[in-house]
Amino acid sequence: MRRRGAARGGVAGRRGVAAAGVALLLALAGCAGDEDEPGGDGAGPVDAGPPVRLALVFEAGRGAPTVESTLTCDGGEAVASGAIADRGEDAACARVREVADLLMAEPDADRERICTSIFGGPQTARVSGAIGDQRIERAFSRENGCAISDWDAAVPLLPPAEG
């Protein structure tokens, strides 16, 4: 004998569907970025990590005029000048702290790294300054796959590749 409501889901079936829907909504809400967190979509407060004081010199190609920018992140405050300000100082401060190891490393210091022979463009950049007590002197280019990857990891401190 068929139980009452079993063919159409009944009350128990609808409760199960409703519970699954609520669980799905809660899971999706957990995936959304908080706009006040670094890396979120908003221009919320900057993570008060170590102080950052950087200068960036960007050149779009040999002979092109250089563009100079600065970035200071201290005590949850972010101040930028030049092109970094156009890309968002809060996002740049958050990204600098995320890729601090990359900024402190010498380009191609890891000789075990295998890089593709692909030219990503004539752009070059030099970042100098400090993150906390750590001195930064880092050159960037787009001359091969590894250099392109390093450049892309440093966006929005560096300008995104156009293309």
Protein backbone atom coordinates (compact mmCIF):
# COMPACT_ATOMS: atom_id res chain seq x y z
CA MET A 1 0.00 0.00 0.00
CA ARG A 2 1.31 3.46 -0.94
CA ARG A 3 1.82 5.91 1.89
CA ARG A 4 -0.26 9.02 1.75
CA GLY A 5 1.52 11.83 -0.10
CA ALA A 6 4.39 9.62 -1.23
CA ALA A 7 3.55 10.00 -4.94
CA ARG A 8 3.70 13.78 -4.83
CA GLY A 9 6.35 14.29 -2.17
CA GLY A 10 3.87 15.15 0.59
CA VAL A 11 4.71 17.38 3.53
CA ALA A 12 7.85 15.44 4.41
CA GLY A 13 9.13 15.73 0.83
CA ARG A 14 8.50 19.47 0.73
CA ARG A 15 10.30 19.93 4.05
CA GLY A 16 13.30 18.09 2.65
CA VAL A 17 13.36 20.27 -0.45
CA ALA A 18 13.02 23.41 1.68
CA ALA A 19 15.84 22.27 3.99
CA ALA A 20 18.06 21.54 0.98
CA GLY A 21 17.27 24.98 -0.45
CA VAL A 22 18.18 26.70 2.82
CA ALA A 23 21.42 24.69 3.02
CA LEU A 24 22.28 25.69 -0.56
CA LEU A 25 21.64 29.38 0.16
CA LEU A 26 23.81 29.24 3.29
CA ALA A 27 26.60 27.54 1.35
CA LEU A 28 26.45 30.14 -1.40
CA ALA A 29 26.44 32.96 1.12
CA GLY A 30 29.62 31.52 2.64
CA CYS A 31 31.33 31.68 -0.78
CA ALA A 32 30.64 35.36 -1.33
CA GLY A 33 33.54 37.69 -0.59
CA ASP A 34 33.09 40.24 2.15
CA GLU A 35 33.40 43.67 0.59
CA ASP A 36 35.20 44.95 3.66
CA GLU A 37 37.91 42.28 3.48
CA PRO A 38 41.06 42.64 1.42
CA GLY A 39 40.44 40.92 -1.87
CA GLY A 40 36.71 41.64 -1.61
CA ASP A 41 34.95 43.70 -4.21
CA GLY A 42 34.61 46.86 -2.17
CA ALA A 43 37.06 49.47 -1.05
CA GLY A 44 36.89 48.43 2.59
CA PRO A 45 39.53 48.97 5.23
CA VAL A 46 43.07 47.80 4.53
CA ASP A 47 44.43 44.94 6.62
CA ALA A 48 46.71 46.50 9.21
CA GLY A 49 49.70 44.27 8.44
CA PRO A 50 53.29 45.49 8.30
CA PRO A 51 53.72 49.02 6.98
CA VAL A 52 54.31 49.27 3.23
CA ARG A 53 56.20 52.09 1.53
CA LEU A 54 56.84 51.44 -2.15
CA ALA A 55 57.75 53.42 -5.24
CA LEU A 56 57.00 52.05 -8.70
CA VAL A 57 58.51 53.13 -12.00
CA PHE A 58 56.68 51.71 -15.03
CA GLU A 59 57.68 51.91 -18.68
CA ALA A 60 55.33 50.71 -21.43
CA GLY A 61 58.28 49.96 -23.74
CA ARG A 62 61.75 51.08 -24.70
CA GLY A 63 61.71 54.82 -25.23
CA ALA A 64 58.22 55.29 -23.78
CA PRO A 65 57.84 57.83 -20.98
CA THR A 66 58.07 56.39 -17.49
CA VAL A 67 55.16 56.58 -15.07
CA GLU A 68 55.99 56.93 -11.39
CA SER A 69 53.64 55.90 -8.58
CA THR A 70 53.86 55.46 -4.83
CA LEU A 71 52.00 53.31 -2.34
CA THR A 72 51.91 53.67 1.44
CA CYS A 73 49.93 51.31 3.66
CA ASP A 74 50.18 51.96 7.38
CA GLY A 75 47.85 51.35 10.29
CA GLY A 76 44.93 50.36 8.08
CA GLU A 77 45.28 53.47 5.90
CA ALA A 78 46.22 53.35 2.22
CA VAL A 79 47.57 56.27 0.20
CA ALA A 80 48.68 56.02 -3.43
CA SER A 81 49.76 58.36 -6.15
CA GLY A 82 49.98 57.99 -9.90
CA ALA A 83 48.60 54.95 -11.68
CA ILE A 84 48.28 52.89 -8.48
CA ALA A 85 45.70 55.38 -7.20
CA ASP A 86 43.71 54.83 -10.41
CA ARG A 87 43.70 51.05 -9.81
CA GLY A 88 42.76 51.34 -6.13
CA GLU A 89 45.13 51.74 -3.22
CA ASP A 90 43.20 49.39 -0.91
CA ALA A 91 43.42 46.55 -3.41
CA ALA A 92 47.09 47.31 -4.06
CA CYS A 93 47.92 47.24 -0.31
CA ALA A 94 46.14 43.93 0.15
CA ARG A 95 47.88 42.44 -2.90
CA VAL A 96 51.35 43.68 -1.83
CA ARG A 97 50.99 41.89 1.48
CA GLU A 98 49.79 38.72 -0.27
CA VAL A 99 52.76 38.67 -2.67
CA ALA A 100 55.43 40.05 -0.31
CA ASP A 101 57.64 37.00 -0.90
CA LEU A 102 57.49 37.58 -4.66
CA LEU A 103 58.43 41.24 -4.20
CA MET A 104 61.37 40.31 -1.97
CA ALA A 105 62.71 37.67 -4.37
CA GLU A 106 65.19 38.37 -7.10
CA PRO A 107 63.71 37.69 -10.53
CA ASP A 108 64.82 34.31 -11.81
CA ALA A 109 66.49 33.55 -8.46
CA ASP A 110 64.95 30.09 -8.64
CA ARG A 111 67.06 28.50 -11.37
CA GLU A 112 64.95 25.33 -11.10
CA ARG A 113 61.98 27.21 -12.52
CA ILE A 114 61.13 26.22 -16.07
CA CYS A 115 59.84 29.15 -18.13
CA THR A 116 58.14 29.19 -21.51
CA SER A 117 59.74 31.20 -24.29
CA ILE A 118 56.84 33.54 -24.86
CA PHE A 119 57.10 37.30 -25.12
CA GLY A 120 54.38 39.08 -23.15
CA GLY A 121 55.25 42.63 -24.16
CA PRO A 122 57.92 45.30 -23.77
CA GLN A 123 56.65 46.61 -20.40
CA THR A 124 59.08 46.89 -17.50
CA ALA A 125 58.66 48.00 -13.91
CA ARG A 126 60.86 48.53 -10.90
CA VAL A 127 59.48 48.39 -7.37
CA SER A 128 61.57 49.74 -4.50
CA GLY A 129 60.91 50.54 -0.87
CA ALA A 130 60.05 48.42 2.15
CA ILE A 131 57.47 46.05 3.58
CA GLY A 132 57.92 46.21 7.33
CA ASP A 133 61.67 46.02 7.94
CA GLN A 134 62.30 44.12 4.70
CA ARG A 135 63.89 46.14 1.89
CA ILE A 136 62.36 45.73 -1.60
CA GLU A 137 64.26 46.16 -4.89
CA ARG A 138 62.47 44.17 -7.57
CA ALA A 139 62.49 44.45 -11.35
CA PHE A 140 59.63 43.09 -13.46
CA SER A 141 59.31 42.43 -17.18
CA ARG A 142 57.12 40.37 -19.49
CA GLU A 143 59.97 38.69 -21.37
CA ASN A 144 59.02 35.04 -20.74
CA GLY A 145 56.32 32.90 -19.16
CA CYS A 146 57.76 33.12 -15.64
CA ALA A 147 58.16 36.89 -15.84
CA ILE A 148 54.59 37.22 -17.16
CA SER A 149 53.33 35.07 -14.27
CA ASP A 150 55.22 37.21 -11.71
CA TRP A 151 53.86 40.39 -13.30
CA ASP A 152 50.28 39.12 -13.29
CA ALA A 153 50.62 38.07 -9.62
CA ALA A 154 51.59 41.65 -8.69
CA VAL A 155 48.53 43.31 -10.32
CA PRO A 156 47.08 45.84 -9.19
CA LEU A 157 50.43 47.11 -7.91
CA LEU A 158 51.60 46.73 -11.52
CA PRO A 159 49.24 47.62 -14.35
CA PRO A 160 47.39 44.71 -15.95
CA ALA A 161 48.62 43.67 -19.38
CA GLU A 162 46.67 45.23 -22.18
CA GLY A 163 45.60 43.00 -24.92
